[in-house]
Amino acid sequence: MSFWEVNLTIMQGLVTTAELFFLTLLFALPLGLIICLGSMSKITPIRLIVKTIVWIVRGSPLMLQILIVYYGPGLLFNLPLLPRFTAAVVTFVINYACYFSEIYRGGIQSIPRGQYEAGQVLGMTRSQVFFKVVLLQLVKRVIPPMGNELITLVKDTALVRVIAVYEVIWMGESFIKKGMIWPLFYTAVFYLAFNGILTLLLNRVEKKLDYFH
């Protein structure tokens, strides 16, 4: 089997990996903000429920969560199983939304209270202060820790092989049956390239927001 045939096969797995990555970001970033606001709610029951959910999700292995989301509905409630890729997306969105919520919370709490008070003195509502004063500063403060989570997300996509979603490593490993081990190690090149591009983009965004210093 030629080098280009190996590349083509692994690229098919890379498409799955990229789809999972971008769909997770699309839904987990806004959901994380909602969870963050819930965890900071002044309504005690809501705050406690949200904090408990975040604690459970962050404290349990992602692989276990993937298995529960995929097999749980069928085994517990006799419901049809979700499509494998859909189960993976749902699990990743919930998991990473909880991690993002803590990053958001840390960013929001790092904004000096005086800025909220100054905005209100100027006649702005709390929502106006948040969206017009706090939000852009929040983005600047959360980019570095968010970047670490995004790089972890790229690598965590390999875990979906536990429910037979054909991502990059699965495709590389498939060549072992043909007596070829190098394609498995070669998959690292794709991860390094993906994370390299991601790192450059994040650095560019940070520089764009330097005016907040």
N, C-alpha and C. Protein backbone atom coordinates (compact mmCIF):
# COMPACT_ATOMS: atom_id res chain seq x y z
N MET A 1 0.85 -1.20 0.00
CA MET A 1 0.00 0.00 0.00
C MET A 1 0.88 1.25 0.00
N SER A 2 0.58 2.19 -0.88
CA SER A 2 1.43 3.37 -1.04
C SER A 2 1.19 4.39 0.08
N PHE A 3 2.14 5.32 0.17
CA PHE A 3 2.06 6.39 1.16
C PHE A 3 0.81 7.24 0.96
N TRP A 4 0.45 7.49 -0.30
CA TRP A 4 -0.71 8.34 -0.59
C TRP A 4 -2.01 7.64 -0.24
N GLU A 5 -2.05 6.33 -0.39
CA GLU A 5 -3.25 5.58 0.01
C GLU A 5 -3.44 5.63 1.52
N VAL A 6 -2.32 5.53 2.25
CA VAL A 6 -2.38 5.66 3.71
C VAL A 6 -2.87 7.05 4.08
N ASN A 7 -2.32 8.08 3.40
CA ASN A 7 -2.75 9.45 3.67
C ASN A 7 -4.24 9.63 3.46
N LEU A 8 -4.76 9.07 2.37
CA LEU A 8 -6.17 9.22 2.04
C LEU A 8 -7.05 8.59 3.12
N THR A 9 -6.64 7.41 3.57
CA THR A 9 -7.41 6.71 4.61
C THR A 9 -7.41 7.50 5.92
N ILE A 10 -6.23 7.98 6.32
CA ILE A 10 -6.14 8.72 7.57
C ILE A 10 -6.88 10.06 7.46
N MET A 11 -6.87 10.66 6.29
CA MET A 11 -7.59 11.92 6.10
C MET A 11 -9.09 11.73 6.33
N GLN A 12 -9.61 10.56 5.99
CA GLN A 12 -11.03 10.28 6.25
C GLN A 12 -11.31 10.33 7.76
N GLY A 13 -10.37 9.78 8.53
CA GLY A 13 -10.50 9.86 9.98
C GLY A 13 -10.35 11.28 10.48
N LEU A 14 -9.49 12.05 9.82
CA LEU A 14 -9.28 13.46 10.22
C LEU A 14 -10.56 14.28 10.02
N VAL A 15 -11.31 13.97 8.97
CA VAL A 15 -12.58 14.67 8.74
C VAL A 15 -13.53 14.45 9.92
N THR A 16 -13.61 13.21 10.39
CA THR A 16 -14.46 12.90 11.55
C THR A 16 -13.98 13.65 12.78
N THR A 17 -12.67 13.64 13.00
CA THR A 17 -12.08 14.35 14.14
C THR A 17 -12.40 15.84 14.07
N ALA A 18 -12.23 16.44 12.90
CA ALA A 18 -12.49 17.87 12.74
C ALA A 18 -13.97 18.20 12.94
N GLU A 19 -14.84 17.35 12.42
CA GLU A 19 -16.28 17.57 12.59
C GLU A 19 -16.66 17.55 14.07
N LEU A 20 -16.12 16.57 14.79
CA LEU A 20 -16.41 16.48 16.22
C LEU A 20 -15.87 17.70 16.96
N PHE A 21 -14.69 18.15 16.61
CA PHE A 21 -14.07 19.31 17.24
C PHE A 21 -14.92 20.57 17.04
N PHE A 22 -15.28 20.86 15.79
CA PHE A 22 -15.99 22.11 15.49
C PHE A 22 -17.43 22.08 16.00
N LEU A 23 -18.09 20.94 15.94
CA LEU A 23 -19.45 20.85 16.48
C LEU A 23 -19.45 21.02 18.00
N THR A 24 -18.42 20.48 18.64
CA THR A 24 -18.31 20.66 20.09
C THR A 24 -18.16 22.13 20.43
N LEU A 25 -17.30 22.83 19.70
CA LEU A 25 -17.12 24.27 19.96
C LEU A 25 -18.40 25.04 19.70
N LEU A 26 -19.07 24.71 18.60
CA LEU A 26 -20.27 25.44 18.20
C LEU A 26 -21.33 25.44 19.30
N PHE A 27 -21.49 24.31 19.96
CA PHE A 27 -22.54 24.19 20.97
C PHE A 27 -22.03 24.36 22.40
N ALA A 28 -20.79 23.97 22.67
CA ALA A 28 -20.28 24.00 24.04
C ALA A 28 -19.93 25.41 24.50
N LEU A 29 -19.47 26.27 23.60
CA LEU A 29 -19.10 27.64 24.00
C LEU A 29 -20.30 28.42 24.53
N PRO A 30 -21.43 28.49 23.79
CA PRO A 30 -22.59 29.20 24.36
C PRO A 30 -23.22 28.46 25.54
N LEU A 31 -23.25 27.12 25.48
CA LEU A 31 -23.83 26.37 26.59
C LEU A 31 -23.01 26.57 27.86
N GLY A 32 -21.69 26.67 27.70
CA GLY A 32 -20.82 26.90 28.85
C GLY A 32 -21.13 28.22 29.53
N LEU A 33 -21.45 29.25 28.74
CA LEU A 33 -21.79 30.55 29.32
C LEU A 33 -23.10 30.47 30.09
N ILE A 34 -24.06 29.73 29.54
CA ILE A 34 -25.34 29.54 30.24
C ILE A 34 -25.13 28.81 31.56
N ILE A 35 -24.32 27.75 31.52
CA ILE A 35 -24.03 26.99 32.75
C ILE A 35 -23.31 27.88 33.76
N CYS A 36 -22.39 28.71 33.26
CA CYS A 36 -21.66 29.63 34.14
C CYS A 36 -22.62 30.56 34.86
N LEU A 37 -23.55 31.15 34.11
CA LEU A 37 -24.52 32.06 34.72
C LEU A 37 -25.40 31.32 35.73
N GLY A 38 -25.72 30.05 35.44
CA GLY A 38 -26.49 29.24 36.39
C GLY A 38 -25.72 28.98 37.66
N SER A 39 -24.42 28.72 37.52
CA SER A 39 -23.60 28.44 38.71
C SER A 39 -23.36 29.69 39.56
N MET A 40 -23.60 30.87 38.97
CA MET A 40 -23.44 32.13 39.70
C MET A 40 -24.79 32.73 40.08
N SER A 41 -25.87 32.00 39.82
CA SER A 41 -27.21 32.50 40.10
C SER A 41 -27.41 32.81 41.58
N LYS A 42 -28.20 33.84 41.84
CA LYS A 42 -28.54 34.17 43.23
C LYS A 42 -29.66 33.28 43.76
N ILE A 43 -30.26 32.48 42.87
CA ILE A 43 -31.30 31.53 43.28
C ILE A 43 -30.61 30.24 43.73
N THR A 44 -30.62 29.99 45.01
CA THR A 44 -29.83 28.91 45.59
C THR A 44 -30.08 27.54 44.96
N PRO A 45 -31.33 27.09 44.78
CA PRO A 45 -31.54 25.76 44.18
C PRO A 45 -30.91 25.62 42.80
N ILE A 46 -31.07 26.67 41.96
CA ILE A 46 -30.47 26.63 40.62
C ILE A 46 -28.96 26.55 40.72
N ARG A 47 -28.38 27.38 41.57
CA ARG A 47 -26.92 27.40 41.73
C ARG A 47 -26.40 26.05 42.20
N LEU A 48 -27.06 25.44 43.17
CA LEU A 48 -26.60 24.16 43.71
C LEU A 48 -26.74 23.03 42.69
N ILE A 49 -27.86 23.02 41.95
CA ILE A 49 -28.07 21.98 40.94
C ILE A 49 -27.01 22.07 39.84
N VAL A 50 -26.77 23.29 39.36
CA VAL A 50 -25.79 23.49 38.29
C VAL A 50 -24.39 23.13 38.77
N LYS A 51 -24.03 23.57 39.97
CA LYS A 51 -22.71 23.26 40.50
C LYS A 51 -22.51 21.75 40.69
N THR A 52 -23.57 21.06 41.09
CA THR A 52 -23.49 19.60 41.27
C THR A 52 -23.26 18.90 39.93
N ILE A 53 -24.00 19.34 38.90
CA ILE A 53 -23.83 18.75 37.57
C ILE A 53 -22.41 18.98 37.06
N VAL A 54 -21.92 20.20 37.22
CA VAL A 54 -20.56 20.51 36.77
C VAL A 54 -19.54 19.65 37.51
N TRP A 55 -19.74 19.48 38.82
CA TRP A 55 -18.82 18.67 39.63
C TRP A 55 -18.81 17.22 39.15
N ILE A 56 -19.98 16.67 38.85
CA ILE A 56 -20.07 15.28 38.39
C ILE A 56 -19.40 15.11 37.02
N VAL A 57 -19.70 16.03 36.11
CA VAL A 57 -19.14 15.92 34.75
C VAL A 57 -17.63 16.09 34.76
N ARG A 58 -17.14 17.08 35.51
CA ARG A 58 -15.70 17.32 35.54
C ARG A 58 -14.95 16.25 36.34
N GLY A 59 -15.66 15.60 37.26
CA GLY A 59 -15.00 14.62 38.12
C GLY A 59 -15.02 13.20 37.63
N SER A 60 -15.71 12.94 36.50
CA SER A 60 -15.77 11.58 35.97
C SER A 60 -15.09 11.51 34.61
N PRO A 61 -14.57 10.34 34.23
CA PRO A 61 -13.83 10.22 32.95
C PRO A 61 -14.72 10.47 31.74
N LEU A 62 -14.18 11.15 30.76
CA LEU A 62 -14.92 11.42 29.53
C LEU A 62 -15.29 10.12 28.82
N MET A 63 -14.40 9.14 28.84
CA MET A 63 -14.70 7.86 28.19
C MET A 63 -15.94 7.21 28.80
N LEU A 64 -16.05 7.27 30.13
CA LEU A 64 -17.22 6.72 30.81
C LEU A 64 -18.48 7.46 30.38
N GLN A 65 -18.39 8.77 30.25
CA GLN A 65 -19.55 9.56 29.83
C GLN A 65 -19.98 9.19 28.41
N ILE A 66 -19.02 8.94 27.53
CA ILE A 66 -19.34 8.53 26.16
C ILE A 66 -20.13 7.22 26.17
N LEU A 67 -19.67 6.27 26.97
CA LEU A 67 -20.35 4.97 27.06
C LEU A 67 -21.75 5.12 27.63
N ILE A 68 -21.90 5.97 28.64
CA ILE A 68 -23.22 6.16 29.27
C ILE A 68 -24.20 6.79 28.29
N VAL A 69 -23.75 7.83 27.57
CA VAL A 69 -24.65 8.51 26.63
C VAL A 69 -25.04 7.58 25.49
N TYR A 70 -24.10 6.74 25.05
CA TYR A 70 -24.39 5.86 23.92
C TYR A 70 -25.25 4.66 24.33
N TYR A 71 -24.84 3.98 25.40
CA TYR A 71 -25.55 2.76 25.80
C TYR A 71 -26.67 2.99 26.81
N GLY A 72 -26.57 4.09 27.59
CA GLY A 72 -27.50 4.33 28.68
C GLY A 72 -28.98 4.33 28.31
N PRO A 73 -29.39 5.12 27.29
CA PRO A 73 -30.82 5.16 26.95
C PRO A 73 -31.41 3.79 26.63
N GLY A 74 -30.65 2.95 25.94
CA GLY A 74 -31.15 1.63 25.59
C GLY A 74 -31.22 0.69 26.77
N LEU A 75 -30.18 0.70 27.61
CA LEU A 75 -30.12 -0.23 28.73
C LEU A 75 -31.02 0.20 29.88
N LEU A 76 -31.16 1.50 30.10
CA LEU A 76 -31.94 1.98 31.24
C LEU A 76 -33.42 2.18 30.91
N PHE A 77 -33.70 2.66 29.71
CA PHE A 77 -35.08 3.04 29.37
C PHE A 77 -35.62 2.32 28.14
N ASN A 78 -34.84 1.38 27.62
CA ASN A 78 -35.26 0.59 26.44
C ASN A 78 -35.55 1.49 25.24
N LEU A 79 -34.79 2.56 25.12
CA LEU A 79 -34.93 3.49 24.00
C LEU A 79 -33.93 3.11 22.90
N PRO A 80 -34.19 3.49 21.67
CA PRO A 80 -33.21 3.21 20.61
C PRO A 80 -31.92 3.97 20.85
N LEU A 81 -30.81 3.36 20.47
CA LEU A 81 -29.52 4.00 20.65
C LEU A 81 -29.38 5.19 19.71
N LEU A 82 -28.68 6.21 20.19
CA LEU A 82 -28.34 7.33 19.33
C LEU A 82 -27.34 6.88 18.28
N PRO A 83 -27.30 7.52 17.12
CA PRO A 83 -26.20 7.25 16.19
C PRO A 83 -24.87 7.50 16.90
N ARG A 84 -23.87 6.70 16.56
CA ARG A 84 -22.60 6.76 17.30
C ARG A 84 -21.99 8.17 17.30
N PHE A 85 -21.96 8.81 16.14
CA PHE A 85 -21.36 10.14 16.07
C PHE A 85 -22.17 11.15 16.86
N THR A 86 -23.49 11.04 16.80
CA THR A 86 -24.36 11.95 17.56
C THR A 86 -24.12 11.80 19.05
N ALA A 87 -24.00 10.55 19.52
CA ALA A 87 -23.72 10.31 20.94
C ALA A 87 -22.39 10.93 21.34
N ALA A 88 -21.40 10.84 20.45
CA ALA A 88 -20.10 11.44 20.73
C ALA A 88 -20.21 12.95 20.85
N VAL A 89 -20.94 13.58 19.92
CA VAL A 89 -21.09 15.04 19.94
C VAL A 89 -21.81 15.49 21.21
N VAL A 90 -22.90 14.82 21.56
CA VAL A 90 -23.67 15.17 22.76
C VAL A 90 -22.78 15.09 24.00
N THR A 91 -22.01 14.02 24.10
CA THR A 91 -21.13 13.83 25.27
C THR A 91 -20.08 14.93 25.34
N PHE A 92 -19.43 15.21 24.22
CA PHE A 92 -18.37 16.21 24.20
C PHE A 92 -18.92 17.61 24.50
N VAL A 93 -20.09 17.91 23.97
CA VAL A 93 -20.68 19.23 24.22
C VAL A 93 -20.96 19.41 25.71
N ILE A 94 -21.57 18.43 26.34
CA ILE A 94 -21.88 18.53 27.77
C ILE A 94 -20.60 18.61 28.59
N ASN A 95 -19.65 17.75 28.28
CA ASN A 95 -18.40 17.70 29.04
C ASN A 95 -17.64 19.03 28.94
N TYR A 96 -17.43 19.49 27.72
CA TYR A 96 -16.63 20.70 27.55
C TYR A 96 -17.38 21.95 27.94
N ALA A 97 -18.70 21.95 27.85
CA ALA A 97 -19.47 23.10 28.33
C ALA A 97 -19.26 23.30 29.82
N CYS A 98 -19.15 22.20 30.55
CA CYS A 98 -18.91 22.31 32.00
C CYS A 98 -17.52 22.86 32.29
N TYR A 99 -16.52 22.43 31.52
CA TYR A 99 -15.18 22.98 31.70
C TYR A 99 -15.13 24.46 31.30
N PHE A 100 -15.76 24.78 30.17
CA PHE A 100 -15.78 26.17 29.73
C PHE A 100 -16.49 27.06 30.74
N SER A 101 -17.53 26.53 31.37
CA SER A 101 -18.29 27.34 32.34
C SER A 101 -17.40 27.80 33.49
N GLU A 102 -16.49 26.93 33.93
CA GLU A 102 -15.59 27.31 35.01
C GLU A 102 -14.58 28.35 34.55
N ILE A 103 -14.15 28.25 33.30
CA ILE A 103 -13.24 29.26 32.75
C ILE A 103 -13.96 30.61 32.65
N TYR A 104 -15.20 30.58 32.16
CA TYR A 104 -15.99 31.81 32.10
C TYR A 104 -16.17 32.42 33.49
N ARG A 105 -16.49 31.56 34.45
CA ARG A 105 -16.75 32.04 35.81
C ARG A 105 -15.51 32.73 36.38
N GLY A 106 -14.35 32.11 36.18
CA GLY A 106 -13.11 32.72 36.65
C GLY A 106 -12.85 34.06 35.98
N GLY A 107 -13.16 34.14 34.66
CA GLY A 107 -12.96 35.38 33.94
C GLY A 107 -13.89 36.48 34.42
N ILE A 108 -15.16 36.13 34.62
CA ILE A 108 -16.14 37.12 35.08
C ILE A 108 -15.79 37.63 36.48
N GLN A 109 -15.40 36.73 37.35
CA GLN A 109 -15.08 37.13 38.72
C GLN A 109 -13.79 37.92 38.81
N SER A 110 -12.97 37.86 37.77
CA SER A 110 -11.71 38.62 37.78
C SER A 110 -11.91 40.08 37.36
N ILE A 111 -13.09 40.38 36.79
CA ILE A 111 -13.38 41.77 36.40
C ILE A 111 -13.68 42.58 37.66
N PRO A 112 -12.99 43.68 37.88
CA PRO A 112 -13.23 44.49 39.09
C PRO A 112 -14.70 44.91 39.22
N ARG A 113 -15.21 44.82 40.43
CA ARG A 113 -16.61 45.20 40.68
C ARG A 113 -16.87 46.67 40.34
N GLY A 114 -15.82 47.48 40.43
CA GLY A 114 -15.98 48.90 40.15
C GLY A 114 -16.47 49.18 38.74
N GLN A 115 -16.17 48.30 37.80
CA GLN A 115 -16.61 48.50 36.43
C GLN A 115 -18.12 48.31 36.31
N TYR A 116 -18.65 47.33 37.06
CA TYR A 116 -20.10 47.14 37.08
C TYR A 116 -20.78 48.38 37.69
N GLU A 117 -20.21 48.84 38.80
CA GLU A 117 -20.81 49.98 39.50
C GLU A 117 -20.73 51.25 38.67
N ALA A 118 -19.61 51.43 37.96
CA ALA A 118 -19.45 52.62 37.12
C ALA A 118 -20.47 52.63 35.99
N GLY A 119 -20.70 51.45 35.41
CA GLY A 119 -21.67 51.34 34.33
C GLY A 119 -23.08 51.66 34.81
N GLN A 120 -23.40 51.18 36.02
CA GLN A 120 -24.73 51.44 36.56
C GLN A 120 -24.91 52.93 36.91
N VAL A 121 -23.83 53.56 37.37
CA VAL A 121 -23.88 54.99 37.67
C VAL A 121 -24.17 55.79 36.40
N LEU A 122 -23.65 55.28 35.26
CA LEU A 122 -23.88 55.95 33.98
C LEU A 122 -25.26 55.65 33.40
N GLY A 123 -26.07 54.89 34.14
CA GLY A 123 -27.43 54.62 33.70
C GLY A 123 -27.59 53.36 32.88
N MET A 124 -26.55 52.52 32.82
CA MET A 124 -26.63 51.28 32.06
C MET A 124 -27.27 50.19 32.91
N THR A 125 -28.01 49.30 32.25
CA THR A 125 -28.58 48.16 32.96
C THR A 125 -27.48 47.12 33.16
N ARG A 126 -27.77 46.11 34.00
CA ARG A 126 -26.77 45.06 34.26
C ARG A 126 -26.42 44.31 32.97
N SER A 127 -27.42 44.07 32.14
CA SER A 127 -27.14 43.35 30.88
C SER A 127 -26.31 44.22 29.94
N GLN A 128 -26.56 45.51 29.91
CA GLN A 128 -25.76 46.42 29.07
C GLN A 128 -24.32 46.47 29.55
N VAL A 129 -24.13 46.52 30.86
CA VAL A 129 -22.78 46.52 31.42
C VAL A 129 -22.05 45.25 31.03
N PHE A 130 -22.77 44.12 31.11
CA PHE A 130 -22.13 42.83 30.81
C PHE A 130 -21.72 42.76 29.35
N PHE A 131 -22.64 43.09 28.43
CA PHE A 131 -22.35 42.91 27.01
C PHE A 131 -21.47 44.01 26.43
N LYS A 132 -21.55 45.24 26.96
CA LYS A 132 -20.80 46.35 26.38
C LYS A 132 -19.49 46.65 27.09
N VAL A 133 -19.38 46.23 28.35
CA VAL A 133 -18.17 46.55 29.13
C VAL A 133 -17.39 45.29 29.50
N VAL A 134 -18.09 44.29 30.00
CA VAL A 134 -17.42 43.13 30.58
C VAL A 134 -17.05 42.08 29.54
N LEU A 135 -17.92 41.84 28.56
CA LEU A 135 -17.78 40.68 27.69
C LEU A 135 -16.46 40.66 26.93
N LEU A 136 -16.06 41.79 26.32
CA LEU A 136 -14.81 41.80 25.55
C LEU A 136 -13.60 41.60 26.46
N GLN A 137 -13.65 42.15 27.66
CA GLN A 137 -12.57 41.92 28.62
C GLN A 137 -12.55 40.45 29.04
N LEU A 138 -13.73 39.87 29.15
CA LEU A 138 -13.84 38.45 29.51
C LEU A 138 -13.17 37.59 28.45
N VAL A 139 -13.42 37.91 27.18
CA VAL A 139 -12.82 37.14 26.08
C VAL A 139 -11.31 37.17 26.19
N LYS A 140 -10.75 38.35 26.45
CA LYS A 140 -9.29 38.49 26.58
C LYS A 140 -8.75 37.62 27.71
N ARG A 141 -9.46 37.59 28.83
CA ARG A 141 -8.97 36.86 30.01
C ARG A 141 -9.12 35.35 29.87
N VAL A 142 -10.09 34.90 29.09
CA VAL A 142 -10.32 33.45 29.02
C VAL A 142 -9.59 32.78 27.86
N ILE A 143 -9.02 33.57 26.94
CA ILE A 143 -8.36 32.97 25.78
C ILE A 143 -7.25 31.99 26.17
N PRO A 144 -6.29 32.36 27.08
CA PRO A 144 -5.22 31.41 27.41
C PRO A 144 -5.72 30.08 28.00
N PRO A 145 -6.57 30.10 29.06
CA PRO A 145 -7.05 28.81 29.57
C PRO A 145 -7.97 28.10 28.58
N MET A 146 -8.72 28.86 27.79
CA MET A 146 -9.57 28.23 26.78
C MET A 146 -8.72 27.54 25.72
N GLY A 147 -7.60 28.16 25.38
CA GLY A 147 -6.69 27.56 24.41
C GLY A 147 -6.20 26.20 24.86
N ASN A 148 -5.87 26.09 26.14
CA ASN A 148 -5.43 24.79 26.67
C ASN A 148 -6.53 23.75 26.54
N GLU A 149 -7.77 24.15 26.81
CA GLU A 149 -8.89 23.21 26.71
C GLU A 149 -9.13 22.79 25.26
N LEU A 150 -8.95 23.71 24.32
CA LEU A 150 -9.17 23.39 22.92
C LEU A 150 -8.14 22.38 22.42
N ILE A 151 -6.90 22.55 22.85
CA ILE A 151 -5.86 21.59 22.46
C ILE A 151 -6.15 20.22 23.08
N THR A 152 -6.62 20.21 24.32
CA THR A 152 -7.02 18.96 24.95
C THR A 152 -8.20 18.33 24.21
N LEU A 153 -9.12 19.16 23.74
CA LEU A 153 -10.28 18.67 23.00
C LEU A 153 -9.84 17.94 21.73
N VAL A 154 -8.87 18.50 21.01
CA VAL A 154 -8.38 17.85 19.80
C VAL A 154 -7.90 16.44 20.12
N LYS A 155 -7.15 16.29 21.20
CA LYS A 155 -6.61 14.98 21.56
C LYS A 155 -7.69 14.05 22.12
N ASP A 156 -8.65 14.63 22.84
CA ASP A 156 -9.72 13.82 23.43
C ASP A 156 -10.63 13.19 22.38
N THR A 157 -10.65 13.74 21.18
CA THR A 157 -11.51 13.16 20.14
C THR A 157 -11.15 11.70 19.87
N ALA A 158 -9.93 11.31 20.21
CA ALA A 158 -9.52 9.91 20.01
C ALA A 158 -10.33 8.95 20.87
N LEU A 159 -10.95 9.45 21.94
CA LEU A 159 -11.69 8.58 22.85
C LEU A 159 -12.97 8.02 22.22
N VAL A 160 -13.46 8.64 21.14
CA VAL A 160 -14.72 8.17 20.56
C VAL A 160 -14.57 6.82 19.88
N ARG A 161 -13.34 6.36 19.73
CA ARG A 161 -13.13 5.02 19.17
C ARG A 161 -13.75 3.96 20.07
N VAL A 162 -14.03 4.29 21.35
CA VAL A 162 -14.60 3.32 22.27
C VAL A 162 -16.02 2.92 21.85
N ILE A 163 -16.69 3.78 21.04
CA ILE A 163 -18.00 3.40 20.50
C ILE A 163 -17.92 3.28 18.97
N ALA A 164 -16.72 2.96 18.50
CA ALA A 164 -16.49 2.66 17.08
C ALA A 164 -16.80 3.83 16.14
N VAL A 165 -16.41 5.03 16.55
CA VAL A 165 -16.43 6.17 15.63
C VAL A 165 -15.05 6.24 15.01
N TYR A 166 -14.99 6.25 13.70
CA TYR A 166 -13.72 6.08 13.00
C TYR A 166 -12.95 7.39 12.88
N GLU A 167 -12.22 7.74 13.92
CA GLU A 167 -11.41 8.96 13.91
C GLU A 167 -10.00 8.63 13.45
N VAL A 168 -9.08 9.59 13.61
CA VAL A 168 -7.74 9.47 13.03
C VAL A 168 -7.00 8.23 13.52
N ILE A 169 -6.94 8.04 14.83
CA ILE A 169 -6.15 6.92 15.37
C ILE A 169 -6.75 5.58 14.95
N TRP A 170 -8.08 5.50 14.94
CA TRP A 170 -8.73 4.26 14.50
C TRP A 170 -8.27 3.91 13.07
N MET A 171 -8.24 4.92 12.20
CA MET A 171 -7.81 4.69 10.82
C MET A 171 -6.35 4.27 10.75
N GLY A 172 -5.51 4.91 11.57
CA GLY A 172 -4.10 4.53 11.59
C GLY A 172 -3.89 3.13 12.11
N GLU A 173 -4.67 2.77 13.13
CA GLU A 173 -4.54 1.43 13.72
C GLU A 173 -5.02 0.34 12.78
N SER A 174 -5.92 0.68 11.87
CA SER A 174 -6.47 -0.33 10.95
C SER A 174 -5.39 -0.96 10.08
N PHE A 175 -4.26 -0.28 9.91
CA PHE A 175 -3.19 -0.81 9.07
C PHE A 175 -2.37 -1.88 9.77
N ILE A 176 -2.52 -2.00 11.08
CA ILE A 176 -1.77 -3.02 11.82
C ILE A 176 -2.14 -4.41 11.31
N LYS A 177 -3.42 -4.60 10.97
CA LYS A 177 -3.86 -5.89 10.44
C LYS A 177 -3.18 -6.23 9.11
N LYS A 178 -2.66 -5.20 8.44
CA LYS A 178 -1.97 -5.41 7.16
C LYS A 178 -0.46 -5.47 7.34
N GLY A 179 -0.04 -5.55 8.62
CA GLY A 179 1.38 -5.66 8.92
C GLY A 179 2.14 -4.36 8.85
N MET A 180 1.43 -3.22 9.00
CA MET A 180 2.07 -1.91 8.93
C MET A 180 1.81 -1.16 10.23
N ILE A 181 2.89 -0.79 10.94
CA ILE A 181 2.75 -0.06 12.20
C ILE A 181 2.96 1.44 12.02
N TRP A 182 3.73 1.84 10.99
CA TRP A 182 4.09 3.25 10.86
C TRP A 182 2.88 4.17 10.66
N PRO A 183 1.79 3.74 9.99
CA PRO A 183 0.65 4.66 9.88
C PRO A 183 0.06 5.07 11.22
N LEU A 184 0.14 4.17 12.22
CA LEU A 184 -0.37 4.52 13.54
C LEU A 184 0.44 5.66 14.15
N PHE A 185 1.77 5.56 14.05
CA PHE A 185 2.62 6.64 14.56
C PHE A 185 2.48 7.91 13.71
N TYR A 186 2.20 7.71 12.44
CA TYR A 186 2.06 8.83 11.52
C TYR A 186 0.86 9.71 11.87
N THR A 187 -0.13 9.15 12.54
CA THR A 187 -1.30 9.94 12.94
C THR A 187 -0.91 11.12 13.83
N ALA A 188 0.23 10.99 14.55
CA ALA A 188 0.69 12.09 15.41
C ALA A 188 0.94 13.35 14.60
N VAL A 189 1.37 13.19 13.33
CA VAL A 189 1.63 14.35 12.47
C VAL A 189 0.36 15.17 12.28
N PHE A 190 -0.77 14.48 12.12
CA PHE A 190 -2.04 15.16 11.90
C PHE A 190 -2.46 15.92 13.16
N TYR A 191 -2.26 15.30 14.33
CA TYR A 191 -2.59 16.00 15.58
C TYR A 191 -1.70 17.22 15.78
N LEU A 192 -0.41 17.06 15.50
CA LEU A 192 0.51 18.18 15.67
C LEU A 192 0.17 19.33 14.72
N ALA A 193 -0.20 18.99 13.48
CA ALA A 193 -0.57 20.03 12.52
C ALA A 193 -1.85 20.74 12.95
N PHE A 194 -2.84 19.97 13.39
CA PHE A 194 -4.12 20.53 13.85
C PHE A 194 -3.88 21.47 15.02
N ASN A 195 -3.12 21.01 16.02
CA ASN A 195 -2.86 21.84 17.20
C ASN A 195 -1.96 23.02 16.88
N GLY A 196 -1.06 22.84 15.91
CA GLY A 196 -0.20 23.95 15.51
C GLY A 196 -1.00 25.09 14.91
N ILE A 197 -1.91 24.76 14.01
CA ILE A 197 -2.78 25.77 13.39
C ILE A 197 -3.65 26.44 14.46
N LEU A 198 -4.19 25.63 15.36
CA LEU A 198 -5.04 26.15 16.43
C LEU A 198 -4.27 27.12 17.32
N THR A 199 -3.04 26.78 17.65
CA THR A 199 -2.21 27.64 18.49
C THR A 199 -1.92 28.98 17.82
N LEU A 200 -1.63 28.94 16.52
CA LEU A 200 -1.38 30.18 15.77
C LEU A 200 -2.62 31.07 15.76
N LEU A 201 -3.79 30.47 15.56
CA LEU A 201 -5.03 31.24 15.54
C LEU A 201 -5.30 31.88 16.91
N LEU A 202 -5.08 31.12 17.97
CA LEU A 202 -5.31 31.64 19.32
C LEU A 202 -4.35 32.78 19.64
N ASN A 203 -3.09 32.63 19.23
CA ASN A 203 -2.11 33.70 19.44
C ASN A 203 -2.51 34.96 18.69
N ARG A 204 -3.06 34.78 17.51
CA ARG A 204 -3.50 35.94 16.71
C ARG A 204 -4.66 36.66 17.40
N VAL A 205 -5.59 35.88 17.94
CA VAL A 205 -6.72 36.48 18.65
C VAL A 205 -6.24 37.24 19.88
N GLU A 206 -5.28 36.66 20.61
CA GLU A 206 -4.75 37.34 21.80
C GLU A 206 -4.13 38.68 21.45
N LYS A 207 -3.39 38.72 20.33
CA LYS A 207 -2.75 39.97 19.91
C LYS A 207 -3.80 41.00 19.51
N LYS A 208 -4.89 40.55 18.92
CA LYS A 208 -5.97 41.46 18.52
C LYS A 208 -6.60 42.12 19.74
N LEU A 209 -6.54 41.43 20.89
CA LEU A 209 -7.18 41.94 22.09
C LEU A 209 -6.19 42.59 23.05
N ASP A 210 -4.98 42.88 22.58
CA ASP A 210 -3.95 43.46 23.45
C ASP A 210 -4.32 44.82 23.98
N TYR A 211 -5.25 45.52 23.32
CA TYR A 211 -5.59 46.87 23.76
C TYR A 211 -6.29 46.88 25.11
N PHE A 212 -6.64 45.72 25.65
CA PHE A 212 -7.27 45.67 26.97
C PHE A 212 -6.24 45.73 28.09
N HIS A 213 -4.93 45.69 27.77
CA HIS A 213 -3.91 45.75 28.82
C HIS A 213 -3.90 47.14 29.45
